[in-house]
Amino acid sequence: MRTYEVMTIHRPDLAEDDVRSRVDNLAGFLAERGATVTGKDIWGKRRFAYEIKHLHEGYYSVVTFTAEPPAVAELDRMLFLADEVIRHKIVRPGD
């Protein structure tokens, strides 16, 4: 199993409680696929340096987890298709 971090930016029109529940759902999605979530950090609403999809701000969150590569590929696809996620990035810390 490898360690990963996924940063997501959620739409600013969501309530902060909705963002927290979506991050919890993301952790549950990973757990169903055999991953272990080691940390969740919600940064709150931040202003963008530049406009993304006609939006100027969004809710940032970072989830740290260990998983096998197939689970990460499924997570990437799920986040790409999610309407409430503006951007996401999955990285391996230290690489």
PDB file of N, CA and C in Angstrom:
ATOM      1  N   MET A   1       0.846  -1.175   0.000  1.00  0.00           N
ATOM      2  CA  MET A   1       0.000   0.000   0.000  1.00  0.00           C
ATOM      3  C   MET A   1       0.894   1.240   0.000  1.00  0.00           C
ATOM      4  N   ARG A   2       0.438   2.255  -0.719  1.00  0.00           N
ATOM      5  CA  ARG A   2       1.175   3.498  -0.847  1.00  0.00           C
ATOM      6  C   ARG A   2       0.409   4.630  -0.182  1.00  0.00           C
ATOM      7  N   THR A   3       1.140   5.653   0.231  1.00  0.00           N
ATOM      8  CA  THR A   3       0.522   6.817   0.863  1.00  0.00           C
ATOM      9  C   THR A   3       0.220   7.869  -0.204  1.00  0.00           C
ATOM     10  N   TYR A   4      -0.976   8.457  -0.123  1.00  0.00           N
ATOM     11  CA  TYR A   4      -1.426   9.467  -1.067  1.00  0.00           C
ATOM     12  C   TYR A   4      -2.070  10.618  -0.309  1.00  0.00           C
ATOM     13  N   GLU A   5      -2.148  11.769  -0.983  1.00  0.00           N
ATOM     14  CA  GLU A   5      -2.954  12.898  -0.520  1.00  0.00           C
ATOM     15  C   GLU A   5      -3.837  13.322  -1.674  1.00  0.00           C
ATOM     16  N   VAL A   6      -5.088  13.610  -1.374  1.00  0.00           N
ATOM     17  CA  VAL A   6      -5.991  14.152  -2.389  1.00  0.00           C
ATOM     18  C   VAL A   6      -6.494  15.504  -1.892  1.00  0.00           C
ATOM     19  N   MET A   7      -6.261  16.532  -2.715  1.00  0.00           N
ATOM     20  CA  MET A   7      -6.793  17.857  -2.413  1.00  0.00           C
ATOM     21  C   MET A   7      -7.988  18.091  -3.319  1.00  0.00           C
ATOM     22  N   THR A   8      -9.081  18.537  -2.733  1.00  0.00           N
ATOM     23  CA  THR A   8     -10.282  18.829  -3.517  1.00  0.00           C
ATOM     24  C   THR A   8     -10.712  20.264  -3.260  1.00  0.00           C
ATOM     25  N   ILE A   9     -11.307  20.862  -4.280  1.00  0.00           N
ATOM     26  CA  ILE A   9     -11.923  22.174  -4.155  1.00  0.00           C
ATOM     27  C   ILE A   9     -13.393  21.992  -4.495  1.00  0.00           C
ATOM     28  N   HIS A  10     -14.252  22.240  -3.507  1.00  0.00           N
ATOM     29  CA  HIS A  10     -15.692  22.108  -3.690  1.00  0.00           C
ATOM     30  C   HIS A  10     -16.312  23.462  -4.031  1.00  0.00           C
ATOM     31  N   ARG A  11     -17.463  23.423  -4.648  1.00  0.00           N
ATOM     32  CA  ARG A  11     -18.177  24.634  -5.072  1.00  0.00           C
ATOM     33  C   ARG A  11     -18.457  25.544  -3.869  1.00  0.00           C
ATOM     34  N   PRO A  12     -18.387  26.854  -4.053  1.00  0.00           N
ATOM     35  CA  PRO A  12     -18.599  27.783  -2.935  1.00  0.00           C
ATOM     36  C   PRO A  12     -20.061  27.923  -2.515  1.00  0.00           C
ATOM     37  N   ASP A  13     -21.008  27.470  -3.344  1.00  0.00           N
ATOM     38  CA  ASP A  13     -22.419  27.604  -2.986  1.00  0.00           C
ATOM     39  C   ASP A  13     -22.887  26.505  -2.032  1.00  0.00           C
ATOM     40  N   LEU A  14     -22.027  25.552  -1.710  1.00  0.00           N
ATOM     41  CA  LEU A  14     -22.356  24.526  -0.717  1.00  0.00           C
ATOM     42  C   LEU A  14     -22.202  25.108   0.684  1.00  0.00           C
ATOM     43  N   ALA A  15     -22.957  24.570   1.622  1.00  0.00           N
ATOM     44  CA  ALA A  15     -22.780  24.943   3.026  1.00  0.00           C
ATOM     45  C   ALA A  15     -21.561  24.191   3.569  1.00  0.00           C
ATOM     46  N   GLU A  16     -20.937  24.747   4.586  1.00  0.00           N
ATOM     47  CA  GLU A  16     -19.733  24.113   5.131  1.00  0.00           C
ATOM     48  C   GLU A  16     -20.029  22.709   5.667  1.00  0.00           C
ATOM     49  N   ASP A  17     -21.214  22.507   6.230  1.00  0.00           N
ATOM     50  CA  ASP A  17     -21.597  21.174   6.710  1.00  0.00           C
ATOM     51  C   ASP A  17     -21.718  20.187   5.546  1.00  0.00           C
ATOM     52  N   ASP A  18     -22.221  20.663   4.402  1.00  0.00           N
ATOM     53  CA  ASP A  18     -22.300  19.804   3.214  1.00  0.00           C
ATOM     54  C   ASP A  18     -20.912  19.406   2.738  1.00  0.00           C
ATOM     55  N   VAL A  19     -19.966  20.332   2.801  1.00  0.00           N
ATOM     56  CA  VAL A  19     -18.592  20.023   2.394  1.00  0.00           C
ATOM     57  C   VAL A  19     -18.008  18.970   3.322  1.00  0.00           C
ATOM     58  N   ARG A  20     -18.246  19.124   4.618  1.00  0.00           N
ATOM     59  CA  ARG A  20     -17.742  18.123   5.581  1.00  0.00           C
ATOM     60  C   ARG A  20     -18.338  16.745   5.311  1.00  0.00           C
ATOM     61  N   SER A  21     -19.634  16.691   5.000  1.00  0.00           N
ATOM     62  CA  SER A  21     -20.257  15.395   4.717  1.00  0.00           C
ATOM     63  C   SER A  21     -19.720  14.803   3.417  1.00  0.00           C
ATOM     64  N   ARG A  22     -19.421  15.644   2.418  1.00  0.00           N
ATOM     65  CA  ARG A  22     -18.857  15.151   1.160  1.00  0.00           C
ATOM     66  C   ARG A  22     -17.451  14.597   1.377  1.00  0.00           C
ATOM     67  N   VAL A  23     -16.673  15.243   2.249  1.00  0.00           N
ATOM     68  CA  VAL A  23     -15.330  14.741   2.569  1.00  0.00           C
ATOM     69  C   VAL A  23     -15.446  13.421   3.327  1.00  0.00           C
ATOM     70  N   ASP A  24     -16.419  13.307   4.224  1.00  0.00           N
ATOM     71  CA  ASP A  24     -16.662  12.041   4.924  1.00  0.00           C
ATOM     72  C   ASP A  24     -17.085  10.951   3.936  1.00  0.00           C
ATOM     73  N   ASN A  25     -17.900  11.302   2.942  1.00  0.00           N
ATOM     74  CA  ASN A  25     -18.296  10.341   1.907  1.00  0.00           C
ATOM     75  C   ASN A  25     -17.088   9.888   1.102  1.00  0.00           C
ATOM     76  N   LEU A  26     -16.176  10.807   0.823  1.00  0.00           N
ATOM     77  CA  LEU A  26     -14.950  10.466   0.107  1.00  0.00           C
ATOM     78  C   LEU A  26     -14.126   9.468   0.925  1.00  0.00           C
ATOM     79  N   ALA A  27     -14.037   9.696   2.241  1.00  0.00           N
ATOM     80  CA  ALA A  27     -13.310   8.770   3.117  1.00  0.00           C
ATOM     81  C   ALA A  27     -14.001   7.406   3.140  1.00  0.00           C
ATOM     82  N   GLY A  28     -15.325   7.386   3.148  1.00  0.00           N
ATOM     83  CA  GLY A  28     -16.064   6.128   3.099  1.00  0.00           C
ATOM     84  C   GLY A  28     -15.856   5.401   1.779  1.00  0.00           C
ATOM     85  N   PHE A  29     -15.822   6.149   0.686  1.00  0.00           N
ATOM     86  CA  PHE A  29     -15.550   5.579  -0.639  1.00  0.00           C
ATOM     87  C   PHE A  29     -14.201   4.871  -0.637  1.00  0.00           C
ATOM     88  N   LEU A  30     -13.202   5.508  -0.035  1.00  0.00           N
ATOM     89  CA  LEU A  30     -11.868   4.897   0.036  1.00  0.00           C
ATOM     90  C   LEU A  30     -11.864   3.661   0.931  1.00  0.00           C
ATOM     91  N   ALA A  31     -12.561   3.742   2.062  1.00  0.00           N
ATOM     92  CA  ALA A  31     -12.602   2.610   2.997  1.00  0.00           C
ATOM     93  C   ALA A  31     -13.260   1.389   2.361  1.00  0.00           C
ATOM     94  N   GLU A  32     -14.280   1.604   1.528  1.00  0.00           N
ATOM     95  CA  GLU A  32     -14.944   0.490   0.842  1.00  0.00           C
ATOM     96  C   GLU A  32     -13.997  -0.235  -0.110  1.00  0.00           C
ATOM     97  N   ARG A  33     -12.973   0.463  -0.566  1.00  0.00           N
ATOM     98  CA  ARG A  33     -12.015  -0.115  -1.513  1.00  0.00           C
ATOM     99  C   ARG A  33     -10.724  -0.553  -0.843  1.00  0.00           C
ATOM    100  N   GLY A  34     -10.744  -0.702   0.482  1.00  0.00           N
ATOM    101  CA  GLY A  34      -9.602  -1.237   1.208  1.00  0.00           C
ATOM    102  C   GLY A  34      -8.559  -0.215   1.610  1.00  0.00           C
ATOM    103  N   ALA A  35      -8.828   1.066   1.427  1.00  0.00           N
ATOM    104  CA  ALA A  35      -7.873   2.101   1.806  1.00  0.00           C
ATOM    105  C   ALA A  35      -8.034   2.459   3.285  1.00  0.00           C
ATOM    106  N   THR A  36      -6.993   3.037   3.852  1.00  0.00           N
ATOM    107  CA  THR A  36      -7.016   3.501   5.228  1.00  0.00           C
ATOM    108  C   THR A  36      -6.823   5.005   5.231  1.00  0.00           C
ATOM    109  N   VAL A  37      -7.813   5.734   5.717  1.00  0.00           N
ATOM    110  CA  VAL A  37      -7.727   7.193   5.790  1.00  0.00           C
ATOM    111  C   VAL A  37      -6.968   7.554   7.062  1.00  0.00           C
ATOM    112  N   THR A  38      -5.870   8.303   6.910  1.00  0.00           N
ATOM    113  CA  THR A  38      -5.042   8.664   8.060  1.00  0.00           C
ATOM    114  C   THR A  38      -5.232  10.109   8.497  1.00  0.00           C
ATOM    115  N   GLY A  39      -5.869  10.922   7.664  1.00  0.00           N
ATOM    116  CA  GLY A  39      -6.102  12.304   8.067  1.00  0.00           C
ATOM    117  C   GLY A  39      -7.072  13.027   7.151  1.00  0.00           C
ATOM    118  N   LYS A  40      -7.859  13.920   7.746  1.00  0.00           N
ATOM    119  CA  LYS A  40      -8.776  14.776   6.986  1.00  0.00           C
ATOM    120  C   LYS A  40      -8.579  16.198   7.491  1.00  0.00           C
ATOM    121  N   ASP A  41      -8.382  17.121   6.559  1.00  0.00           N
ATOM    122  CA  ASP A  41      -8.158  18.510   6.927  1.00  0.00           C
ATOM    123  C   ASP A  41      -8.997  19.390   6.011  1.00  0.00           C
ATOM    124  N   ILE A  42      -9.937  20.122   6.588  1.00  0.00           N
ATOM    125  CA  ILE A  42     -10.789  21.019   5.807  1.00  0.00           C
ATOM    126  C   ILE A  42     -10.288  22.441   6.047  1.00  0.00           C
ATOM    127  N   TRP A  43      -9.840  23.083   4.991  1.00  0.00           N
ATOM    128  CA  TRP A  43      -9.247  24.408   5.096  1.00  0.00           C
ATOM    129  C   TRP A  43     -10.285  25.513   5.089  1.00  0.00           C
ATOM    130  N   GLY A  44     -11.489  25.223   4.654  1.00  0.00           N
ATOM    131  CA  GLY A  44     -12.528  26.237   4.585  1.00  0.00           C
ATOM    132  C   GLY A  44     -12.564  26.930   3.233  1.00  0.00           C
ATOM    133  N   LYS A  45     -13.310  28.016   3.169  1.00  0.00           N
ATOM    134  CA  LYS A  45     -13.498  28.738   1.912  1.00  0.00           C
ATOM    135  C   LYS A  45     -12.301  29.662   1.684  1.00  0.00           C
ATOM    136  N   ARG A  46     -11.709  29.553   0.510  1.00  0.00           N
ATOM    137  CA  ARG A  46     -10.554  30.378   0.130  1.00  0.00           C
ATOM    138  C   ARG A  46     -10.805  31.027  -1.225  1.00  0.00           C
ATOM    139  N   ARG A  47     -10.227  32.193  -1.409  1.00  0.00           N
ATOM    140  CA  ARG A  47     -10.315  32.907  -2.685  1.00  0.00           C
ATOM    141  C   ARG A  47      -9.245  32.359  -3.630  1.00  0.00           C
ATOM    142  N   PHE A  48      -9.617  32.181  -4.913  1.00  0.00           N
ATOM    143  CA  PHE A  48      -8.694  31.686  -5.928  1.00  0.00           C
ATOM    144  C   PHE A  48      -7.764  32.801  -6.392  1.00  0.00           C
ATOM    145  N   ALA A  49      -6.592  32.405  -6.866  1.00  0.00           N
ATOM    146  CA  ALA A  49      -5.662  33.363  -7.461  1.00  0.00           C
ATOM    147  C   ALA A  49      -6.158  33.779  -8.848  1.00  0.00           C
ATOM    148  N   TYR A  50      -6.918  32.889  -9.486  1.00  0.00           N
ATOM    149  CA  TYR A  50      -7.496  33.190 -10.799  1.00  0.00           C
ATOM    150  C   TYR A  50      -8.849  32.492 -10.889  1.00  0.00           C
ATOM    151  N   GLU A  51      -9.670  32.947 -11.797  1.00  0.00           N
ATOM    152  CA  GLU A  51     -11.023  32.418 -11.961  1.00  0.00           C
ATOM    153  C   GLU A  51     -10.996  30.987 -12.505  1.00  0.00           C
ATOM    154  N   ILE A  52     -11.814  30.117 -11.925  1.00  0.00           N
ATOM    155  CA  ILE A  52     -11.963  28.737 -12.388  1.00  0.00           C
ATOM    156  C   ILE A  52     -13.447  28.507 -12.649  1.00  0.00           C
ATOM    157  N   LYS A  53     -13.790  28.197 -13.885  1.00  0.00           N
ATOM    158  CA  LYS A  53     -15.184  27.952 -14.264  1.00  0.00           C
ATOM    159  C   LYS A  53     -16.121  29.069 -13.799  1.00  0.00           C
ATOM    160  N   HIS A  54     -15.689  30.307 -13.962  1.00  0.00           N
ATOM    161  CA  HIS A  54     -16.447  31.508 -13.593  1.00  0.00           C
ATOM    162  C   HIS A  54     -16.681  31.620 -12.088  1.00  0.00           C
ATOM    163  N   LEU A  55     -15.868  30.961 -11.282  1.00  0.00           N
ATOM    164  CA  LEU A  55     -15.963  31.051  -9.825  1.00  0.00           C
ATOM    165  C   LEU A  55     -14.696  31.705  -9.283  1.00  0.00           C
ATOM    166  N   HIS A  56     -14.831  32.387  -8.141  1.00  0.00           N
ATOM    167  CA  HIS A  56     -13.711  33.113  -7.561  1.00  0.00           C
ATOM    168  C   HIS A  56     -13.258  32.546  -6.217  1.00  0.00           C
ATOM    169  N   GLU A  57     -14.011  31.579  -5.673  1.00  0.00           N
ATOM    170  CA  GLU A  57     -13.645  30.972  -4.395  1.00  0.00           C
ATOM    171  C   GLU A  57     -14.208  29.569  -4.310  1.00  0.00           C
ATOM    172  N   GLY A  58     -13.709  28.786  -3.334  1.00  0.00           N
ATOM    173  CA  GLY A  58     -14.171  27.425  -3.145  1.00  0.00           C
ATOM    174  C   GLY A  58     -13.704  26.885  -1.811  1.00  0.00           C
ATOM    175  N   TYR A  59     -14.264  25.751  -1.416  1.00  0.00           N
ATOM    176  CA  TYR A  59     -13.896  25.086  -0.163  1.00  0.00           C
ATOM    177  C   TYR A  59     -12.781  24.075  -0.434  1.00  0.00           C
ATOM    178  N   TYR A  60     -11.671  24.241   0.249  1.00  0.00           N
ATOM    179  CA  TYR A  60     -10.513  23.357   0.084  1.00  0.00           C
ATOM    180  C   TYR A  60     -10.519  22.279   1.165  1.00  0.00           C
ATOM    181  N   SER A  61     -10.102  21.075   0.788  1.00  0.00           N
ATOM    182  CA  SER A  61      -9.928  20.004   1.761  1.00  0.00           C
ATOM    183  C   SER A  61      -8.791  19.091   1.309  1.00  0.00           C
ATOM    184  N   VAL A  62      -8.112  18.473   2.281  1.00  0.00           N
ATOM    185  CA  VAL A  62      -7.026  17.540   2.003  1.00  0.00           C
ATOM    186  C   VAL A  62      -7.299  16.265   2.799  1.00  0.00           C
ATOM    187  N   VAL A  63      -7.245  15.120   2.114  1.00  0.00           N
ATOM    188  CA  VAL A  63      -7.420  13.821   2.762  1.00  0.00           C
ATOM    189  C   VAL A  63      -6.154  13.008   2.507  1.00  0.00           C
ATOM    190  N   THR A  64      -5.551  12.498   3.573  1.00  0.00           N
ATOM    191  CA  THR A  64      -4.375  11.653   3.485  1.00  0.00           C
ATOM    192  C   THR A  64      -4.807  10.211   3.696  1.00  0.00           C
ATOM    193  N   PHE A  65      -4.298   9.291   2.857  1.00  0.00           N
ATOM    194  CA  PHE A  65      -4.723   7.894   2.954  1.00  0.00           C
ATOM    195  C   PHE A  65      -3.653   6.975   2.381  1.00  0.00           C
ATOM    196  N   THR A  66      -3.773   5.693   2.712  1.00  0.00           N
ATOM    197  CA  THR A  66      -2.940   4.656   2.109  1.00  0.00           C
ATOM    198  C   THR A  66      -3.857   3.731   1.325  1.00  0.00           C
ATOM    199  N   ALA A  67      -3.426   3.393   0.115  1.00  0.00           N
ATOM    200  CA  ALA A  67      -4.277   2.566  -0.746  1.00  0.00           C
ATOM    201  C   ALA A  67      -3.434   1.920  -1.839  1.00  0.00           C
ATOM    202  N   GLU A  68      -4.057   0.997  -2.535  1.00  0.00           N
ATOM    203  CA  GLU A  68      -3.466   0.376  -3.715  1.00  0.00           C
ATOM    204  C   GLU A  68      -3.803   1.240  -4.939  1.00  0.00           C
ATOM    205  N   PRO A  69      -2.986   1.200  -5.974  1.00  0.00           N
ATOM    206  CA  PRO A  69      -3.226   2.024  -7.168  1.00  0.00           C
ATOM    207  C   PRO A  69      -4.608   1.875  -7.824  1.00  0.00           C
ATOM    208  N   PRO A  70      -5.214   0.683  -7.888  1.00  0.00           N
ATOM    209  CA  PRO A  70      -6.560   0.619  -8.492  1.00  0.00           C
ATOM    210  C   PRO A  70      -7.609   1.448  -7.737  1.00  0.00           C
ATOM    211  N   ALA A  71      -7.510   1.519  -6.413  1.00  0.00           N
ATOM    212  CA  ALA A  71      -8.448   2.322  -5.627  1.00  0.00           C
ATOM    213  C   ALA A  71      -8.255   3.807  -5.930  1.00  0.00           C
ATOM    214  N   VAL A  72      -7.015   4.207  -6.166  1.00  0.00           N
ATOM    215  CA  VAL A  72      -6.725   5.608  -6.487  1.00  0.00           C
ATOM    216  C   VAL A  72      -7.296   5.963  -7.859  1.00  0.00           C
ATOM    217  N   ALA A  73      -7.214   5.038  -8.797  1.00  0.00           N
ATOM    218  CA  ALA A  73      -7.785   5.275 -10.128  1.00  0.00           C
ATOM    219  C   ALA A  73      -9.301   5.442 -10.043  1.00  0.00           C
ATOM    220  N   GLU A  74      -9.966   4.636  -9.223  1.00  0.00           N
ATOM    221  CA  GLU A  74     -11.416   4.775  -9.038  1.00  0.00           C
ATOM    222  C   GLU A  74     -11.766   6.108  -8.379  1.00  0.00           C
ATOM    223  N   LEU A  75     -10.949   6.518  -7.390  1.00  0.00           N
ATOM    224  CA  LEU A  75     -11.173   7.800  -6.726  1.00  0.00           C
ATOM    225  C   LEU A  75     -11.035   8.947  -7.725  1.00  0.00           C
ATOM    226  N   ASP A  76     -10.020   8.894  -8.565  1.00  0.00           N
ATOM    227  CA  ASP A  76      -9.801   9.931  -9.568  1.00  0.00           C
ATOM    228  C   ASP A  76     -10.999  10.043 -10.504  1.00  0.00           C
ATOM    229  N   ARG A  77     -11.518   8.925 -10.937  1.00  0.00           N
ATOM    230  CA  ARG A  77     -12.689   8.921 -11.830  1.00  0.00           C
ATOM    231  C   ARG A  77     -13.918   9.479 -11.125  1.00  0.00           C
ATOM    232  N   MET A  78     -14.132   9.071  -9.872  1.00  0.00           N
ATOM    233  CA  MET A  78     -15.285   9.536  -9.108  1.00  0.00           C
ATOM    234  C   MET A  78     -15.231  11.049  -8.914  1.00  0.00           C
ATOM    235  N   LEU A  79     -14.069  11.584  -8.575  1.00  0.00           N
ATOM    236  CA  LEU A  79     -13.945  13.024  -8.364  1.00  0.00           C
ATOM    237  C   LEU A  79     -14.074  13.802  -9.672  1.00  0.00           C
ATOM    238  N   PHE A  80     -13.603  13.230 -10.761  1.00  0.00           N
ATOM    239  CA  PHE A  80     -13.725  13.875 -12.067  1.00  0.00           C
ATOM    240  C   PHE A  80     -15.198  14.027 -12.463  1.00  0.00           C
ATOM    241  N   LEU A  81     -16.014  13.041 -12.115  1.00  0.00           N
ATOM    242  CA  LEU A  81     -17.428  13.051 -12.484  1.00  0.00           C
ATOM    243  C   LEU A  81     -18.316  13.820 -11.500  1.00  0.00           C
ATOM    244  N   ALA A  82     -17.810  14.122 -10.301  1.00  0.00           N
ATOM    245  CA  ALA A  82     -18.609  14.795  -9.271  1.00  0.00           C
ATOM    246  C   ALA A  82     -18.832  16.255  -9.644  1.00  0.00           C
ATOM    247  N   ASP A  83     -20.095  16.669  -9.686  1.00  0.00           N
ATOM    248  CA  ASP A  83     -20.440  18.042 -10.056  1.00  0.00           C
ATOM    249  C   ASP A  83     -20.020  19.063  -8.998  1.00  0.00           C
ATOM    250  N   GLU A  84     -19.997  18.661  -7.728  1.00  0.00           N
ATOM    251  CA  GLU A  84     -19.680  19.611  -6.667  1.00  0.00           C
ATOM    252  C   GLU A  84     -18.176  19.854  -6.510  1.00  0.00           C
ATOM    253  N   VAL A  85     -17.353  19.059  -7.180  1.00  0.00           N
ATOM    254  CA  VAL A  85     -15.897  19.219  -7.105  1.00  0.00           C
ATOM    255  C   VAL A  85     -15.433  20.037  -8.308  1.00  0.00           C
ATOM    256  N   ILE A  86     -14.809  21.187  -8.021  1.00  0.00           N
ATOM    257  CA  ILE A  86     -14.306  22.051  -9.088  1.00  0.00           C
ATOM    258  C   ILE A  86     -12.975  21.515  -9.615  1.00  0.00           C
ATOM    259  N   ARG A  87     -12.065  21.193  -8.691  1.00  0.00           N
ATOM    260  CA  ARG A  87     -10.756  20.662  -9.046  1.00  0.00           C
ATOM    261  C   ARG A  87     -10.349  19.625  -8.009  1.00  0.00           C
ATOM    262  N   HIS A  88      -9.496  18.699  -8.409  1.00  0.00           N
ATOM    263  CA  HIS A  88      -8.908  17.767  -7.464  1.00  0.00           C
ATOM    264  C   HIS A  88      -7.510  17.385  -7.957  1.00  0.00           C
ATOM    265  N   LYS A  89      -6.676  16.982  -7.022  1.00  0.00           N
ATOM    266  CA  LYS A  89      -5.310  16.577  -7.349  1.00  0.00           C
ATOM    267  C   LYS A  89      -4.907  15.490  -6.387  1.00  0.00           C
ATOM    268  N   ILE A  90      -4.422  14.366  -6.908  1.00  0.00           N
ATOM    269  CA  ILE A  90      -3.962  13.256  -6.085  1.00  0.00           C
ATOM    270  C   ILE A  90      -2.446  13.169  -6.245  1.00  0.00           C
ATOM    271  N   VAL A  91      -1.736  13.196  -5.116  1.00  0.00           N
ATOM    272  CA  VAL A  91      -0.264  13.137  -5.151  1.00  0.00           C
ATOM    273  C   VAL A  91       0.234  12.122  -4.134  1.00  0.00           C
ATOM    274  N   ARG A  92       1.464  11.670  -4.391  1.00  0.00           N
ATOM    275  CA  ARG A  92       2.167  10.831  -3.414  1.00  0.00           C
ATOM    276  C   ARG A  92       3.176  11.723  -2.710  1.00  0.00           C
ATOM    277  N   PRO A  93       3.001  12.016  -1.422  1.00  0.00           N
ATOM    278  CA  PRO A  93       3.938  12.901  -0.716  1.00  0.00           C
ATOM    279  C   PRO A  93       5.351  12.344  -0.749  1.00  0.00           C
ATOM    280  N   GLY A  94       6.290  13.221  -0.970  1.00  0.00           N
ATOM    281  CA  GLY A  94       7.691  12.797  -1.012  1.00  0.00           C
ATOM    282  C   GLY A  94       8.185  12.481  -2.395  1.00  0.00           C
ATOM    283  N   ASP A  95       7.293  12.357  -3.385  1.00  0.00           N
ATOM    284  CA  ASP A  95       7.737  12.070  -4.757  1.00  0.00           C
ATOM    285  C   ASP A  95       7.931  13.360  -5.519  1.00  0.00           C
TER     286      ASP A  95
END
